Amino acid sequence: MAKKRRPQTKAAQPHAGDVVVPVVGAREPCPCGSGRRYKACHGRAATHAAVELVRRPFEGLPGEADWVALRELVPAATVELKLKDGLPEGVPSVTLATVLPMAWPALRRDNGAVLLGLQNDTATGDLSRDLADTLLRALKAEPGTPVAAERGDAEGPRLQDLLDPAAPFEPAVHTGFEFWVENAEGATGEVAASLERANAAAIPTVRLSGVGSAYWCETPEKNHLRWVMTEPEERLLDALARLHAAGTSSLGEGTRLVGSFRAHGLTVPVWDLPSAMRAEDVQKPAEAFAERLAAALADETPLTPEERRARSGLTSRQVTLN
């Protein structure tokens, strides 16, 4: 028997004319002071106001696949961003960062530079719009202050409206989070301790060159290659199935294509690699695989029974991250 919903008094309902309430965790006390949990108070209105999920929030941006990789796969990386209308006065640079200290959505440095965090919870169904809202607030923030999470305007601009579409998107993958502070070498005390803890938790990751958005990472038992691809999912899975059935989907001895996952509308095939296989060892095999994949993508003949079985095996192990 379904539980009866507790009736709510009129006074407990949030109103459109209420003061702006910060976004917090669903089970945390509502910042308005009502004593209720956020999800049962102002969070209720926020939930109903959420926009429909945008499956490919980075579509149309240069480096869409790398945006997805930095959002989901890479612990520590930065990218210099260029705005369509140029930088405002007093803002020397805008840098995208995978994550910022204290999970801040953004940070305005003492020198006016802006750091925009990518791996944060989204307030609506459109990650691009949420990031754009955070970026705009960061550009206006006082130097030396972090930017808090807030729910932005559902009709506000998206990253595609703010960023220069002609600017290259070139991730710099780091071994640690020294980019958090302006003088990491001179860090002491709690700052140095925080950096040490964060660096110890980061999985070593390397972006391969010349083969698109392919990222090698090292784990205790085995290494992996995770490759974000922009090809239409059905065509890509057909091509991977053709290679798998032909025994040419690996990246060399001891490697195996184990499946794929979806992230922000793109497909990410994953290979297991031997623990001794470093990023430089997988570079040439990845280049050779890219050539085989291009040929398989161009093949429009129906899948054979063996290829269909291979495809079924690949899709049965597919998961969706968002």
Protein backbone atom coordinates (compact mmCIF):
# COMPACT_ATOMS: atom_id res chain seq x y z
CA MET A 1 0.00 0.00 0.00
CA ALA A 2 1.40 3.35 -0.98
CA LYS A 3 2.32 5.78 1.73
CA LYS A 4 0.10 8.79 2.15
CA ARG A 5 1.78 12.04 1.44
CA ARG A 6 1.93 14.39 4.39
CA PRO A 7 -0.16 17.47 3.62
CA GLN A 8 1.83 20.66 3.44
CA THR A 9 0.64 23.93 4.81
CA LYS A 10 0.43 26.89 2.51
CA ALA A 11 3.13 28.66 4.51
CA ALA A 12 5.59 25.84 3.85
CA GLN A 13 5.38 26.16 0.07
CA PRO A 14 8.16 28.11 -1.69
CA HIS A 15 7.00 31.06 -3.75
CA ALA A 16 8.40 32.58 -6.91
CA GLY A 17 8.76 35.89 -5.08
CA ASP A 18 10.94 34.44 -2.30
CA VAL A 19 14.50 35.56 -1.88
CA VAL A 20 17.11 33.75 -3.95
CA VAL A 21 18.11 30.54 -2.13
CA PRO A 22 21.48 28.88 -2.89
CA VAL A 23 21.49 25.35 -4.30
CA VAL A 24 22.60 22.75 -1.72
CA GLY A 25 22.40 18.97 -1.40
CA ALA A 26 18.91 17.49 -1.58
CA ARG A 27 19.03 16.15 2.01
CA GLU A 28 20.67 19.19 3.57
CA PRO A 29 18.67 21.78 5.53
CA CYS A 30 17.18 24.39 3.21
CA PRO A 31 19.20 27.63 3.38
CA CYS A 32 15.95 29.63 3.67
CA GLY A 33 15.76 28.67 7.36
CA SER A 34 12.46 26.77 7.19
CA GLY A 35 13.93 23.77 9.00
CA ARG A 36 12.92 21.46 6.16
CA ARG A 37 15.26 19.53 3.88
CA TYR A 38 16.14 21.35 0.66
CA LYS A 39 14.42 18.74 -1.55
CA ALA A 40 11.14 19.27 0.34
CA CYS A 41 11.36 23.06 0.39
CA HIS A 42 12.95 25.35 -2.21
CA GLY A 43 14.47 22.31 -3.90
CA ARG A 44 10.96 21.22 -4.89
CA ALA A 45 10.50 24.31 -7.03
CA ALA A 46 14.02 23.95 -8.39
CA THR A 47 13.32 20.39 -9.46
CA HIS A 48 10.19 21.39 -11.34
CA ALA A 49 12.08 24.25 -12.97
CA ALA A 50 14.80 21.97 -14.34
CA VAL A 51 15.10 21.97 -18.08
CA GLU A 52 15.00 18.86 -20.20
CA LEU A 53 18.27 16.93 -20.20
CA VAL A 54 20.59 17.99 -23.01
CA ARG A 55 22.24 14.75 -24.15
CA ARG A 56 25.18 16.41 -25.93
CA PRO A 57 25.86 19.60 -23.95
CA PHE A 58 29.22 20.20 -25.66
CA GLU A 59 28.01 19.65 -29.23
CA GLY A 60 29.19 22.44 -31.50
CA LEU A 61 32.20 23.33 -29.35
CA PRO A 62 35.71 22.68 -30.68
CA GLY A 63 37.04 19.52 -29.05
CA GLU A 64 33.67 18.10 -27.99
CA ALA A 65 35.22 14.68 -27.31
CA ASP A 66 37.91 16.22 -25.10
CA TRP A 67 35.27 18.19 -23.17
CA VAL A 68 33.61 14.85 -22.40
CA ALA A 69 36.93 13.24 -21.47
CA LEU A 70 37.88 16.06 -19.10
CA ARG A 71 34.43 15.94 -17.54
CA GLU A 72 34.37 12.16 -16.98
CA LEU A 73 37.82 10.58 -17.32
CA VAL A 74 40.72 12.88 -16.55
CA PRO A 75 41.65 13.77 -12.95
CA ALA A 76 43.86 16.80 -13.54
CA ALA A 77 43.87 18.90 -16.70
CA THR A 78 43.48 22.49 -17.83
CA VAL A 79 42.59 24.25 -21.09
CA GLU A 80 42.94 27.92 -21.94
CA LEU A 81 39.59 29.27 -23.14
CA LYS A 82 39.05 32.16 -25.53
CA LEU A 83 35.86 34.22 -25.35
CA LYS A 84 34.00 35.44 -28.43
CA ASP A 85 33.95 39.02 -27.23
CA GLY A 86 37.41 39.00 -25.71
CA LEU A 87 38.38 39.17 -22.06
CA PRO A 88 36.82 41.83 -19.83
CA GLU A 89 39.09 44.45 -18.33
CA GLY A 90 40.98 43.07 -15.36
CA VAL A 91 40.66 39.41 -16.45
CA PRO A 92 44.01 38.29 -17.91
CA SER A 93 42.88 34.74 -18.73
CA VAL A 94 40.10 32.15 -18.45
CA THR A 95 41.14 28.56 -17.82
CA LEU A 96 38.97 25.46 -17.76
CA ALA A 97 40.05 23.02 -15.02
CA THR A 98 38.83 19.49 -14.43
CA VAL A 99 38.31 20.16 -10.73
CA LEU A 100 39.02 22.97 -8.28
CA PRO A 101 39.78 22.88 -4.54
CA MET A 102 36.71 22.39 -2.33
CA ALA A 103 34.82 21.47 -5.53
CA TRP A 104 34.30 25.17 -6.21
CA PRO A 105 32.43 25.78 -9.49
CA ALA A 106 34.86 28.60 -10.31
CA LEU A 107 37.57 30.73 -8.79
CA ARG A 108 38.75 34.28 -9.41
CA ARG A 109 42.44 34.48 -8.59
CA ASP A 110 44.04 37.43 -6.82
CA ASN A 111 45.44 38.57 -10.18
CA GLY A 112 41.96 38.52 -11.75
CA ALA A 113 42.39 35.29 -13.74
CA VAL A 114 39.40 32.95 -13.83
CA LEU A 115 39.45 29.19 -13.28
CA LEU A 116 36.25 27.36 -14.32
CA GLY A 117 35.64 23.91 -12.80
CA LEU A 118 34.21 21.23 -15.08
CA GLN A 119 33.61 18.25 -12.79
CA ASN A 120 30.80 19.70 -10.69
CA ASP A 121 27.15 18.80 -10.21
CA THR A 122 24.83 20.51 -12.67
CA ALA A 123 21.87 22.53 -11.43
CA THR A 124 19.74 21.88 -14.52
CA GLY A 125 19.64 19.42 -17.37
CA ASP A 126 21.92 21.55 -19.52
CA LEU A 127 25.54 21.36 -18.39
CA SER A 128 26.62 23.88 -21.02
CA ARG A 129 24.18 26.50 -19.76
CA ASP A 130 25.16 25.91 -16.13
CA LEU A 131 28.85 26.29 -16.93
CA ALA A 132 28.16 29.45 -18.91
CA ASP A 133 26.27 30.94 -15.97
CA THR A 134 29.14 30.10 -13.62
CA LEU A 135 31.65 31.60 -16.05
CA LEU A 136 29.73 34.87 -16.33
CA ARG A 137 29.53 35.19 -12.56
CA ALA A 138 33.22 34.40 -12.22
CA LEU A 139 34.12 37.18 -14.67
CA LYS A 140 32.36 39.64 -12.35
CA ALA A 141 33.54 38.18 -9.04
CA GLU A 142 35.94 40.02 -6.78
CA PRO A 143 39.56 38.92 -7.26
CA GLY A 144 40.64 36.36 -4.71
CA THR A 145 37.19 34.79 -4.24
CA PRO A 146 35.56 31.46 -5.17
CA VAL A 147 32.25 31.36 -7.03
CA ALA A 148 29.42 29.46 -5.33
CA ALA A 149 26.93 27.11 -7.00
CA GLU A 150 23.69 28.79 -8.03
CA ARG A 151 20.78 27.99 -10.32
CA GLY A 152 21.13 30.06 -13.45
CA ASP A 153 18.59 31.49 -15.84
CA ALA A 154 16.90 28.70 -17.84
CA GLU A 155 17.02 31.02 -20.85
CA GLY A 156 20.57 32.22 -20.26
CA PRO A 157 23.49 31.79 -22.66
CA ARG A 158 25.35 28.52 -23.18
CA LEU A 159 29.08 27.94 -23.60
CA GLN A 160 28.47 27.85 -27.35
CA ASP A 161 27.32 31.48 -27.08
CA LEU A 162 30.33 32.65 -25.07
CA LEU A 163 33.36 30.78 -26.42
CA ASP A 164 35.21 31.53 -29.66
CA PRO A 165 34.32 28.66 -32.05
CA ALA A 166 37.55 29.16 -34.00
CA ALA A 167 39.83 28.79 -30.97
CA PRO A 168 41.54 25.40 -30.57
CA PHE A 169 40.72 23.24 -27.56
CA GLU A 170 44.06 21.84 -26.39
CA PRO A 171 44.00 20.06 -23.02
CA ALA A 172 47.11 20.02 -20.88
CA VAL A 173 47.00 16.89 -18.73
CA HIS A 174 48.83 17.27 -15.40
CA THR A 175 50.30 14.75 -12.99
CA GLY A 176 48.85 16.70 -10.06
CA PHE A 177 46.85 19.73 -9.01
CA GLU A 178 49.60 22.30 -8.68
CA PHE A 179 47.61 24.50 -11.06
CA TRP A 180 45.31 25.23 -8.12
CA VAL A 181 47.79 27.72 -6.68
CA GLU A 182 49.90 30.37 -8.34
CA ASN A 183 53.11 29.41 -6.54
CA ALA A 184 52.86 25.66 -5.94
CA GLU A 185 56.61 25.31 -5.36
CA GLY A 186 56.39 27.67 -2.40
CA ALA A 187 53.25 26.14 -0.87
CA THR A 188 53.49 25.32 2.84
CA GLY A 189 51.26 24.19 5.69
CA GLU A 190 47.69 23.15 4.92
CA VAL A 191 47.96 24.22 1.27
CA ALA A 192 50.91 21.91 0.71
CA ALA A 193 49.17 19.11 2.63
CA SER A 194 45.98 19.51 0.57
CA LEU A 195 47.95 19.34 -2.67
CA GLU A 196 49.76 16.22 -1.48
CA ARG A 197 46.47 14.47 -0.62
CA ALA A 198 44.85 15.42 -3.92
CA ASN A 199 47.89 14.38 -5.96
CA ALA A 200 48.05 11.00 -4.20
CA ALA A 201 44.46 10.26 -5.25
CA ALA A 202 44.92 11.21 -8.94
CA ILE A 203 45.09 8.30 -11.39
CA PRO A 204 48.07 8.78 -13.75
CA THR A 205 46.61 9.74 -17.13
CA VAL A 206 48.12 10.63 -20.51
CA ARG A 207 46.42 11.94 -23.65
CA LEU A 208 47.69 10.19 -26.77
CA SER A 209 48.73 12.42 -29.67
CA GLY A 210 47.41 12.29 -33.20
CA VAL A 211 44.52 9.87 -32.67
CA GLY A 212 41.74 12.02 -31.31
CA SER A 213 40.56 11.97 -27.70
CA ALA A 214 42.26 8.78 -26.46
CA TYR A 215 43.45 8.68 -22.86
CA TRP A 216 45.76 6.08 -21.30
CA CYS A 217 45.44 5.60 -17.55
CA GLU A 218 47.27 3.51 -14.98
CA THR A 219 45.50 1.49 -12.28
CA PRO A 220 46.95 -0.97 -9.74
CA GLU A 221 45.94 -4.19 -11.53
CA LYS A 222 45.92 -3.20 -15.22
CA ASN A 223 46.08 -0.15 -17.42
CA HIS A 224 43.34 1.09 -19.73
CA LEU A 225 42.80 3.12 -22.86
CA ARG A 226 39.55 5.07 -22.97
CA TRP A 227 38.83 6.70 -26.30
CA VAL A 228 36.01 9.24 -26.68
CA MET A 229 34.60 9.08 -30.22
CA THR A 230 32.21 11.42 -31.99
CA GLU A 231 30.96 9.05 -34.69
CA PRO A 232 27.21 8.22 -34.57
CA GLU A 233 26.76 5.46 -32.02
CA GLU A 234 25.07 2.87 -34.26
CA ARG A 235 27.68 3.23 -37.02
CA LEU A 236 30.49 3.11 -34.50
CA LEU A 237 29.18 -0.03 -32.81
CA ASP A 238 28.77 -1.72 -36.20
CA ALA A 239 32.37 -0.84 -37.07
CA LEU A 240 33.70 -2.06 -33.72
CA ALA A 241 31.73 -5.29 -34.15
CA ARG A 242 33.28 -5.87 -37.60
CA LEU A 243 36.76 -5.47 -36.15
CA HIS A 244 35.97 -7.57 -33.09
CA ALA A 245 34.61 -10.44 -35.21
CA ALA A 246 37.70 -10.25 -37.42
CA GLY A 247 40.00 -10.39 -34.42
CA THR A 248 41.45 -6.95 -35.12
CA SER A 249 39.88 -4.88 -32.34
CA SER A 250 42.82 -5.21 -29.92
CA LEU A 251 45.78 -2.88 -29.52
CA GLY A 252 48.39 -5.61 -29.48
CA GLU A 253 49.37 -8.63 -27.44
CA GLY A 254 47.69 -8.79 -24.04
CA THR A 255 45.18 -6.04 -24.86
CA ARG A 256 41.44 -6.44 -25.22
CA LEU A 257 38.46 -4.30 -26.22
CA VAL A 258 36.20 -4.89 -23.22
CA GLY A 259 33.23 -2.72 -24.13
CA SER A 260 32.16 0.90 -24.11
CA PHE A 261 30.11 3.44 -22.24
CA ARG A 262 28.11 6.52 -23.17
CA ALA A 263 28.91 9.92 -21.77
CA HIS A 264 27.21 13.17 -22.74
CA GLY A 265 25.91 11.70 -25.98
CA LEU A 266 29.23 10.20 -27.13
CA THR A 267 30.50 6.61 -27.13
CA VAL A 268 33.70 5.72 -25.28
CA PRO A 269 35.29 2.33 -26.17
CA VAL A 270 37.54 0.90 -23.45
CA TRP A 271 40.53 -1.43 -23.75
CA ASP A 272 42.27 -3.36 -21.01
CA LEU A 273 46.05 -3.13 -21.28
CA PRO A 274 48.85 -5.00 -19.52
CA SER A 275 50.23 -3.14 -16.51
CA ALA A 276 53.60 -2.94 -18.26
CA MET A 277 52.10 -1.14 -21.29
CA ARG A 278 52.78 2.58 -20.94
CA ALA A 279 51.22 5.44 -22.86
CA GLU A 280 54.10 5.58 -25.33
CA ASP A 281 53.72 1.84 -25.98
CA VAL A 282 50.10 2.16 -27.05
CA GLN A 283 50.59 5.17 -29.33
CA LYS A 284 51.45 3.31 -32.55
CA PRO A 285 48.92 0.49 -31.98
CA ALA A 286 46.25 3.16 -31.48
CA GLU A 287 47.23 4.86 -34.74
CA ALA A 288 46.98 1.52 -36.58
CA PHE A 289 43.61 0.84 -34.97
CA ALA A 290 42.35 4.26 -36.10
CA GLU A 291 43.08 3.26 -39.70
CA ARG A 292 41.26 -0.06 -39.32
CA LEU A 293 38.32 1.70 -37.70
CA ALA A 294 38.07 4.24 -40.54
CA ALA A 295 37.85 1.39 -43.05
CA ALA A 296 35.21 -0.39 -40.96
CA LEU A 297 33.17 2.79 -40.65
CA ALA A 298 33.16 3.10 -44.44
CA ASP A 299 31.80 -0.45 -44.84
CA GLU A 300 28.05 -0.25 -45.42
CA THR A 301 27.36 -3.94 -46.06
CA PRO A 302 25.01 -5.73 -43.64
CA LEU A 303 26.64 -7.32 -40.61
CA THR A 304 27.37 -11.03 -40.86
CA PRO A 305 26.01 -13.40 -38.18
CA GLU A 306 29.42 -13.39 -36.46
CA GLU A 307 29.54 -9.58 -36.54
CA ARG A 308 26.02 -9.37 -35.11
CA ARG A 309 27.05 -11.66 -32.25
CA ALA A 310 30.11 -9.50 -31.65
CA ARG A 311 27.93 -6.39 -31.62
CA SER A 312 25.53 -7.97 -29.16
CA GLY A 313 28.44 -8.78 -26.86
CA LEU A 314 29.73 -5.20 -27.01
CA THR A 315 26.34 -3.59 -26.36
CA SER A 316 25.55 -5.97 -23.48
CA ARG A 317 28.50 -4.48 -21.59
CA GLN A 318 27.64 -0.87 -22.42
CA VAL A 319 26.71 1.53 -19.66
CA THR A 320 25.60 5.17 -19.62
CA LEU A 321 27.22 7.69 -17.29
CA ASN A 322 24.70 10.49 -17.76
